[in-house]
PDB file of all heavy atoms in Angstrom:
ATOM      1  N   CYS A   1       0.808  -1.272  -0.052  1.00  0.00           N
ATOM      2  CA  CYS A   1      -0.015  -0.071   0.079  1.00  0.00           C
ATOM      3  C   CYS A   1       0.826   1.190  -0.087  1.00  0.00           C
ATOM      4  O   CYS A   1       0.437   2.211  -0.719  1.00  0.00           O
ATOM      5  CB  CYS A   1      -0.925  -0.038   1.251  1.00  0.00           C
ATOM      6  SG  CYS A   1      -2.190  -1.256   1.170  1.00  0.00           S
ATOM      7  N   LEU A   2       1.962   1.230   0.808  1.00  0.00           N
ATOM      8  CA  LEU A   2       2.847   2.445   0.881  1.00  0.00           C
ATOM      9  C   LEU A   2       3.469   2.595  -0.507  1.00  0.00           C
ATOM     10  O   LEU A   2       3.598   3.750  -0.985  1.00  0.00           O
ATOM     11  CB  LEU A   2       3.841   2.202   1.932  1.00  0.00           C
ATOM     12  CG  LEU A   2       4.882   3.360   2.200  1.00  0.00           C
ATOM     13  CD1 LEU A   2       4.255   4.621   2.405  1.00  0.00           C
ATOM     14  CD2 LEU A   2       5.937   2.924   3.122  1.00  0.00           C
ATOM     15  N   PHE A   3       3.934   1.549  -1.144  1.00  0.00           N
ATOM     16  CA  PHE A   3       4.614   1.598  -2.500  1.00  0.00           C
ATOM     17  C   PHE A   3       3.464   2.165  -3.478  1.00  0.00           C
ATOM     18  O   PHE A   3       3.974   3.040  -4.283  1.00  0.00           O
ATOM     19  CB  PHE A   3       5.120   0.286  -2.982  1.00  0.00           C
ATOM     20  CG  PHE A   3       5.775   0.245  -4.244  1.00  0.00           C
ATOM     21  CD1 PHE A   3       7.075   0.955  -4.349  1.00  0.00           C
ATOM     22  CD2 PHE A   3       5.338  -0.467  -5.223  1.00  0.00           C
ATOM     23  CE1 PHE A   3       7.750   0.858  -5.543  1.00  0.00           C
ATOM     24  CE2 PHE A   3       6.017  -0.412  -6.464  1.00  0.00           C
ATOM     25  CZ  PHE A   3       7.182   0.295  -6.625  1.00  0.00           C
ATOM     26  N   THR A   4       2.372   1.796  -3.555  1.00  0.00           N
ATOM     27  CA  THR A   4       1.353   2.256  -4.466  1.00  0.00           C
ATOM     28  C   THR A   4       1.153   3.723  -4.191  1.00  0.00           C
ATOM     29  O   THR A   4       0.952   4.594  -5.212  1.00  0.00           O
ATOM     30  CB  THR A   4       0.053   1.474  -4.288  1.00  0.00           C
ATOM     31  OG1 THR A   4       0.319  -0.014  -4.445  1.00  0.00           O
ATOM     32  CG2 THR A   4      -0.970   1.883  -5.365  1.00  0.00           C
ATOM     33  N   TYR A   5       1.059   4.115  -3.020  1.00  0.00           N
ATOM     34  CA  TYR A   5       0.800   5.543  -2.672  1.00  0.00           C
ATOM     35  C   TYR A   5       1.977   6.430  -3.177  1.00  0.00           C
ATOM     36  O   TYR A   5       1.809   7.445  -3.758  1.00  0.00           O
ATOM     37  CB  TYR A   5       0.581   5.672  -1.137  1.00  0.00           C
ATOM     38  CG  TYR A   5       0.812   7.090  -0.769  1.00  0.00           C
ATOM     39  CD1 TYR A   5      -0.353   7.967  -0.930  1.00  0.00           C
ATOM     40  CD2 TYR A   5       1.788   7.694  -0.105  1.00  0.00           C
ATOM     41  CE1 TYR A   5      -0.328   9.397  -0.529  1.00  0.00           C
ATOM     42  CE2 TYR A   5       1.839   8.937   0.326  1.00  0.00           C
ATOM     43  CZ  TYR A   5       0.875   9.855   0.134  1.00  0.00           C
ATOM     44  OH  TYR A   5       0.827  11.181   0.504  1.00  0.00           O
ATOM     45  N   GLN A   6       3.085   5.898  -2.959  1.00  0.00           N
ATOM     46  CA  GLN A   6       4.395   6.661  -3.407  1.00  0.00           C
ATOM     47  C   GLN A   6       4.413   6.790  -4.904  1.00  0.00           C
ATOM     48  O   GLN A   6       4.781   7.769  -5.504  1.00  0.00           O
ATOM     49  CB  GLN A   6       5.587   6.075  -2.856  1.00  0.00           C
ATOM     50  CG  GLN A   6       5.835   6.194  -1.426  1.00  0.00           C
ATOM     51  CD  GLN A   6       7.077   5.487  -0.896  1.00  0.00           C
ATOM     52  OE1 GLN A   6       7.641   4.606  -1.481  1.00  0.00           O
ATOM     53  NE2 GLN A   6       7.434   5.685   0.335  1.00  0.00           N
ATOM     54  N   THR A   7       3.936   5.637  -5.558  1.00  0.00           N
ATOM     55  CA  THR A   7       3.990   5.750  -7.015  1.00  0.00           C
ATOM     56  C   THR A   7       2.886   6.676  -7.494  1.00  0.00           C
ATOM     57  O   THR A   7       3.186   7.445  -8.428  1.00  0.00           O
ATOM     58  CB  THR A   7       3.511   4.321  -7.565  1.00  0.00           C
ATOM     59  OG1 THR A   7       4.615   3.315  -7.068  1.00  0.00           O
ATOM     60  CG2 THR A   7       3.563   4.367  -9.135  1.00  0.00           C
ATOM     61  N   TRP A   8       1.785   6.808  -6.773  1.00  0.00           N
ATOM     62  CA  TRP A   8       0.789   7.807  -7.219  1.00  0.00           C
ATOM     63  C   TRP A   8       1.281   9.141  -6.928  1.00  0.00           C
ATOM     64  O   TRP A   8       1.017  10.176  -7.752  1.00  0.00           O
ATOM     65  CB  TRP A   8      -0.570   7.539  -6.431  1.00  0.00           C
ATOM     66  CG  TRP A   8      -1.568   8.603  -6.554  1.00  0.00           C
ATOM     67  CD1 TRP A   8      -2.491   8.858  -7.608  1.00  0.00           C
ATOM     68  CD2 TRP A   8      -1.863   9.636  -5.564  1.00  0.00           C
ATOM     69  NE1 TRP A   8      -3.201   9.959  -7.403  1.00  0.00           N
ATOM     70  CE2 TRP A   8      -2.795  10.438  -6.068  1.00  0.00           C
ATOM     71  CE3 TRP A   8      -1.202   9.954  -4.352  1.00  0.00           C
ATOM     72  CZ2 TRP A   8      -3.263  11.588  -5.489  1.00  0.00           C
ATOM     73  CZ3 TRP A   8      -1.747  11.037  -3.615  1.00  0.00           C
ATOM     74  CH2 TRP A   8      -2.713  11.790  -4.160  1.00  0.00           C
ATOM     75  N   ARG A   9       1.926   9.386  -5.836  1.00  0.00           N
ATOM     76  CA  ARG A   9       2.367  10.745  -5.382  1.00  0.00           C
ATOM     77  C   ARG A   9       3.370  11.288  -6.340  1.00  0.00           C
ATOM     78  O   ARG A   9       3.405  12.419  -6.697  1.00  0.00           O
ATOM     79  CB  ARG A   9       3.042  10.655  -3.969  1.00  0.00           C
ATOM     80  CG  ARG A   9       3.432  12.028  -3.507  1.00  0.00           C
ATOM     81  CD  ARG A   9       3.932  11.826  -2.049  1.00  0.00           C
ATOM     82  NE  ARG A   9       4.506  13.045  -1.542  1.00  0.00           N
ATOM     83  CZ  ARG A   9       5.034  13.196  -0.417  1.00  0.00           C
ATOM     84  NH1 ARG A   9       5.330  12.178   0.433  1.00  0.00           N
ATOM     85  NH2 ARG A   9       5.445  14.551  -0.023  1.00  0.00           N
ATOM     86  N   PHE A  10       4.313  10.432  -6.804  1.00  0.00           N
ATOM     87  CA  PHE A  10       5.310  10.918  -7.756  1.00  0.00           C
ATOM     88  C   PHE A  10       5.033  10.732  -9.260  1.00  0.00           C
ATOM     89  O   PHE A  10       5.883  11.040 -10.050  1.00  0.00           O
ATOM     90  CB  PHE A  10       6.715  10.063  -7.407  1.00  0.00           C
ATOM     91  CG  PHE A  10       7.203  10.396  -6.103  1.00  0.00           C
ATOM     92  CD1 PHE A  10       7.160   9.513  -4.998  1.00  0.00           C
ATOM     93  CD2 PHE A  10       7.927  11.670  -5.773  1.00  0.00           C
ATOM     94  CE1 PHE A  10       7.686   9.749  -3.823  1.00  0.00           C
ATOM     95  CE2 PHE A  10       8.347  11.958  -4.572  1.00  0.00           C
ATOM     96  CZ  PHE A  10       8.330  11.038  -3.524  1.00  0.00           C
ATOM     97  N   LYS A  11       3.733  10.251  -9.425  1.00  0.00           N
ATOM     98  CA  LYS A  11       3.305  10.136 -10.896  1.00  0.00           C
ATOM     99  C   LYS A  11       4.226   9.251 -11.745  1.00  0.00           C
ATOM    100  O   LYS A  11       4.610   9.712 -12.880  1.00  0.00           O
ATOM    101  CB  LYS A  11       3.109  11.580 -11.379  1.00  0.00           C
ATOM    102  CG  LYS A  11       2.033  12.398 -10.587  1.00  0.00           C
ATOM    103  CD  LYS A  11       1.950  13.834 -11.314  1.00  0.00           C
ATOM    104  CE  LYS A  11       0.803  14.604 -10.629  1.00  0.00           C
ATOM    105  NZ  LYS A  11       0.941  14.731  -9.122  1.00  0.00           N
ATOM    106  N   ASP A  12       4.620   8.134 -11.247  1.00  0.00           N
ATOM    107  CA  ASP A  12       5.394   7.226 -11.998  1.00  0.00           C
ATOM    108  C   ASP A  12       4.593   6.673 -13.087  1.00  0.00           C
ATOM    109  O   ASP A  12       3.380   6.249 -12.922  1.00  0.00           O
ATOM    110  CB  ASP A  12       6.037   6.168 -11.167  1.00  0.00           C
ATOM    111  CG  ASP A  12       7.059   6.700 -10.327  1.00  0.00           C
ATOM    112  OD1 ASP A  12       7.568   7.750 -10.463  1.00  0.00           O
ATOM    113  OD2 ASP A  12       7.461   6.046  -9.287  1.00  0.00           O
ATOM    114  N   VAL A  13       5.109   6.552 -14.396  1.00  0.00           N
ATOM    115  CA  VAL A  13       4.491   5.929 -15.449  1.00  0.00           C
ATOM    116  C   VAL A  13       5.351   4.730 -16.044  1.00  0.00           C
ATOM    117  O   VAL A  13       6.479   4.661 -15.762  1.00  0.00           O
ATOM    118  CB  VAL A  13       4.253   6.931 -16.624  1.00  0.00           C
ATOM    119  CG1 VAL A  13       3.232   7.957 -16.115  1.00  0.00           C
ATOM    120  CG2 VAL A  13       5.408   7.437 -17.081  1.00  0.00           C
ATOM    121  N   SER A  14       4.684   3.864 -16.642  1.00  0.00           N
ATOM    122  CA  SER A  14       5.393   2.812 -17.333  1.00  0.00           C
ATOM    123  C   SER A  14       6.389   3.244 -18.340  1.00  0.00           C
ATOM    124  O   SER A  14       6.072   4.243 -19.057  1.00  0.00           O
ATOM    125  CB  SER A  14       4.366   1.821 -17.883  1.00  0.00           C
ATOM    126  OG  SER A  14       5.046   0.754 -18.672  1.00  0.00           O
ATOM    127  N   GLN A  15       7.491   2.560 -18.473  1.00  0.00           N
ATOM    128  CA  GLN A  15       8.485   2.870 -19.531  1.00  0.00           C
ATOM    129  C   GLN A  15       8.225   2.273 -20.735  1.00  0.00           C
ATOM    130  O   GLN A  15       8.958   2.482 -21.743  1.00  0.00           O
ATOM    131  CB  GLN A  15       9.955   2.452 -18.988  1.00  0.00           C
ATOM    132  CG  GLN A  15      10.379   3.186 -17.620  1.00  0.00           C
ATOM    133  CD  GLN A  15      11.768   2.892 -17.180  1.00  0.00           C
ATOM    134  OE1 GLN A  15      12.383   1.963 -17.770  1.00  0.00           O
ATOM    135  NE2 GLN A  15      12.252   3.388 -16.110  1.00  0.00           N
ATOM    136  N   GLY A  16       7.121   1.513 -20.833  1.00  0.00           N
ATOM    137  CA  GLY A  16       6.861   0.941 -22.157  1.00  0.00           C
ATOM    138  C   GLY A  16       6.100   1.863 -23.009  1.00  0.00           C
ATOM    139  O   GLY A  16       5.866   3.085 -22.696  1.00  0.00           O
ATOM    140  N   LEU A  17       5.656   1.315 -24.291  1.00  0.00           N
ATOM    141  CA  LEU A  17       4.940   2.183 -25.181  1.00  0.00           C
ATOM    142  C   LEU A  17       3.447   2.467 -24.655  1.00  0.00           C
ATOM    143  O   LEU A  17       2.849   3.538 -25.142  1.00  0.00           O
ATOM    144  CB  LEU A  17       4.692   1.465 -26.492  1.00  0.00           C
ATOM    145  CG  LEU A  17       6.020   1.094 -27.137  1.00  0.00           C
ATOM    146  CD1 LEU A  17       5.727   0.283 -28.461  1.00  0.00           C
ATOM    147  CD2 LEU A  17       6.759   2.315 -27.514  1.00  0.00           C
ATOM    148  N   ASP A  18       2.955   1.821 -23.572  1.00  0.00           N
ATOM    149  CA  ASP A  18       1.596   2.182 -23.071  1.00  0.00           C
ATOM    150  C   ASP A  18       1.632   3.483 -22.277  1.00  0.00           C
ATOM    151  O   ASP A  18       0.609   4.197 -22.176  1.00  0.00           O
ATOM    152  CB  ASP A  18       1.015   1.000 -22.318  1.00  0.00           C
ATOM    153  CG  ASP A  18       2.057   0.720 -21.177  1.00  0.00           C
ATOM    154  OD1 ASP A  18       3.175   0.435 -21.349  1.00  0.00           O
ATOM    155  OD2 ASP A  18       1.506   0.568 -19.982  1.00  0.00           O
ATOM    156  N   ALA A  19       2.688   3.723 -21.546  1.00  0.00           N
ATOM    157  CA  ALA A  19       2.918   4.917 -20.620  1.00  0.00           C
ATOM    158  C   ALA A  19       1.706   5.045 -19.588  1.00  0.00           C
ATOM    159  O   ALA A  19       1.122   6.069 -19.322  1.00  0.00           O
ATOM    160  CB  ALA A  19       2.907   6.172 -21.412  1.00  0.00           C
ATOM    161  N   THR A  20       1.476   3.814 -18.988  1.00  0.00           N
ATOM    162  CA  THR A  20       0.297   3.769 -18.093  1.00  0.00           C
ATOM    163  C   THR A  20       0.819   4.164 -16.675  1.00  0.00           C
ATOM    164  O   THR A  20       1.824   3.863 -16.239  1.00  0.00           O
ATOM    165  CB  THR A  20      -0.183   2.207 -17.916  1.00  0.00           C
ATOM    166  OG1 THR A  20      -0.628   1.867 -19.253  1.00  0.00           O
ATOM    167  CG2 THR A  20      -1.298   2.165 -16.914  1.00  0.00           C
ATOM    168  N   PRO A  21       0.072   4.923 -15.935  1.00  0.00           N
ATOM    169  CA  PRO A  21       0.385   5.394 -14.605  1.00  0.00           C
ATOM    170  C   PRO A  21       0.560   4.137 -13.862  1.00  0.00           C
ATOM    171  O   PRO A  21      -0.499   3.288 -13.716  1.00  0.00           O
ATOM    172  CB  PRO A  21      -0.731   6.215 -14.248  1.00  0.00           C
ATOM    173  CG  PRO A  21      -1.308   6.863 -15.347  1.00  0.00           C
ATOM    174  CD  PRO A  21      -1.265   5.666 -16.438  1.00  0.00           C
ATOM    175  N   LEU A  22       1.554   3.841 -13.188  1.00  0.00           N
ATOM    176  CA  LEU A  22       1.909   2.560 -12.544  1.00  0.00           C
ATOM    177  C   LEU A  22       0.993   2.351 -11.322  1.00  0.00           C
ATOM    178  O   LEU A  22       0.872   1.193 -10.879  1.00  0.00           O
ATOM    179  CB  LEU A  22       3.336   2.482 -12.163  1.00  0.00           C
ATOM    180  CG  LEU A  22       4.450   2.287 -13.296  1.00  0.00           C
ATOM    181  CD1 LEU A  22       5.786   2.296 -12.868  1.00  0.00           C
ATOM    182  CD2 LEU A  22       3.980   0.997 -14.162  1.00  0.00           C
ATOM    183  N   TRP A  23       0.491   3.426 -10.731  1.00  0.00           N
ATOM    184  CA  TRP A  23      -0.346   3.197  -9.482  1.00  0.00           C
ATOM    185  C   TRP A  23      -1.608   2.376  -9.695  1.00  0.00           C
ATOM    186  O   TRP A  23      -2.208   1.717  -9.008  1.00  0.00           O
ATOM    187  CB  TRP A  23      -0.660   4.516  -8.862  1.00  0.00           C
ATOM    188  CG  TRP A  23      -1.511   5.449  -9.559  1.00  0.00           C
ATOM    189  CD1 TRP A  23      -1.157   6.403 -10.422  1.00  0.00           C
ATOM    190  CD2 TRP A  23      -2.932   5.400  -9.659  1.00  0.00           C
ATOM    191  NE1 TRP A  23      -2.216   7.058 -11.060  1.00  0.00           N
ATOM    192  CE2 TRP A  23      -3.304   6.499 -10.542  1.00  0.00           C
ATOM    193  CE3 TRP A  23      -3.957   4.712  -8.998  1.00  0.00           C
ATOM    194  CZ2 TRP A  23      -4.724   6.750 -10.690  1.00  0.00           C
ATOM    195  CZ3 TRP A  23      -5.328   5.017  -9.175  1.00  0.00           C
ATOM    196  CH2 TRP A  23      -5.679   6.016 -10.199  1.00  0.00           C
ATOM    197  N   ILE A  24      -2.092   2.473 -11.130  1.00  0.00           N
ATOM    198  CA  ILE A  24      -3.333   1.783 -11.509  1.00  0.00           C
ATOM    199  C   ILE A  24      -3.152   0.273 -11.263  1.00  0.00           C
ATOM    200  O   ILE A  24      -3.947  -0.402 -10.792  1.00  0.00           O
ATOM    201  CB  ILE A  24      -3.808   2.181 -12.886  1.00  0.00           C
ATOM    202  CG1 ILE A  24      -4.041   3.785 -12.867  1.00  0.00           C
ATOM    203  CG2 ILE A  24      -5.029   1.452 -13.316  1.00  0.00           C
ATOM    204  CD1 ILE A  24      -4.510   4.339 -14.213  1.00  0.00           C
ATOM    205  N   PRO A  25      -2.106  -0.298 -12.138  1.00  0.00           N
ATOM    206  CA  PRO A  25      -2.000  -1.782 -11.963  1.00  0.00           C
ATOM    207  C   PRO A  25      -1.536  -2.219 -10.633  1.00  0.00           C
ATOM    208  O   PRO A  25      -1.750  -3.350  -9.961  1.00  0.00           O
ATOM    209  CB  PRO A  25      -0.942  -2.188 -12.977  1.00  0.00           C
ATOM    210  CG  PRO A  25      -0.231  -0.886 -13.226  1.00  0.00           C
ATOM    211  CD  PRO A  25      -1.224   0.220 -13.126  1.00  0.00           C
ATOM    212  N   GLN A  26      -0.769  -1.245  -9.803  1.00  0.00           N
ATOM    213  CA  GLN A  26      -0.330  -1.563  -8.488  1.00  0.00           C
ATOM    214  C   GLN A  26      -1.485  -1.621  -7.497  1.00  0.00           C
ATOM    215  O   GLN A  26      -1.274  -2.199  -6.315  1.00  0.00           O
ATOM    216  CB  GLN A  26       0.746  -0.557  -8.023  1.00  0.00           C
ATOM    217  CG  GLN A  26       2.036  -0.699  -8.749  1.00  0.00           C
ATOM    218  CD  GLN A  26       3.028   0.249  -8.399  1.00  0.00           C
ATOM    219  OE1 GLN A  26       2.732   1.192  -7.661  1.00  0.00           O
ATOM    220  NE2 GLN A  26       4.201   0.286  -9.101  1.00  0.00           N
ATOM    221  N   ILE A  27      -2.620  -1.055  -7.810  1.00  0.00           N
ATOM    222  CA  ILE A  27      -3.753  -1.215  -6.865  1.00  0.00           C
ATOM    223  C   ILE A  27      -4.124  -2.597  -6.610  1.00  0.00           C
ATOM    224  O   ILE A  27      -4.556  -3.072  -5.568  1.00  0.00           O
ATOM    225  CB  ILE A  27      -5.032  -0.435  -7.357  1.00  0.00           C
ATOM    226  CG1 ILE A  27      -4.719   1.074  -7.238  1.00  0.00           C
ATOM    227  CG2 ILE A  27      -6.236  -0.772  -6.732  1.00  0.00           C
ATOM    228  CD1 ILE A  27      -5.839   1.994  -7.770  1.00  0.00           C
TER     229      ILE A  27
END
C-alpha cells in the first residue's frame, strides 16, 4: 500500500509504449 501511494504521489508511469500510470495496476 505504501509503495502504491508513493507511485501515485510521484506520478510514475510505465517505461513501455503504453505509458500507463503505474499506480493503477499496483492497486
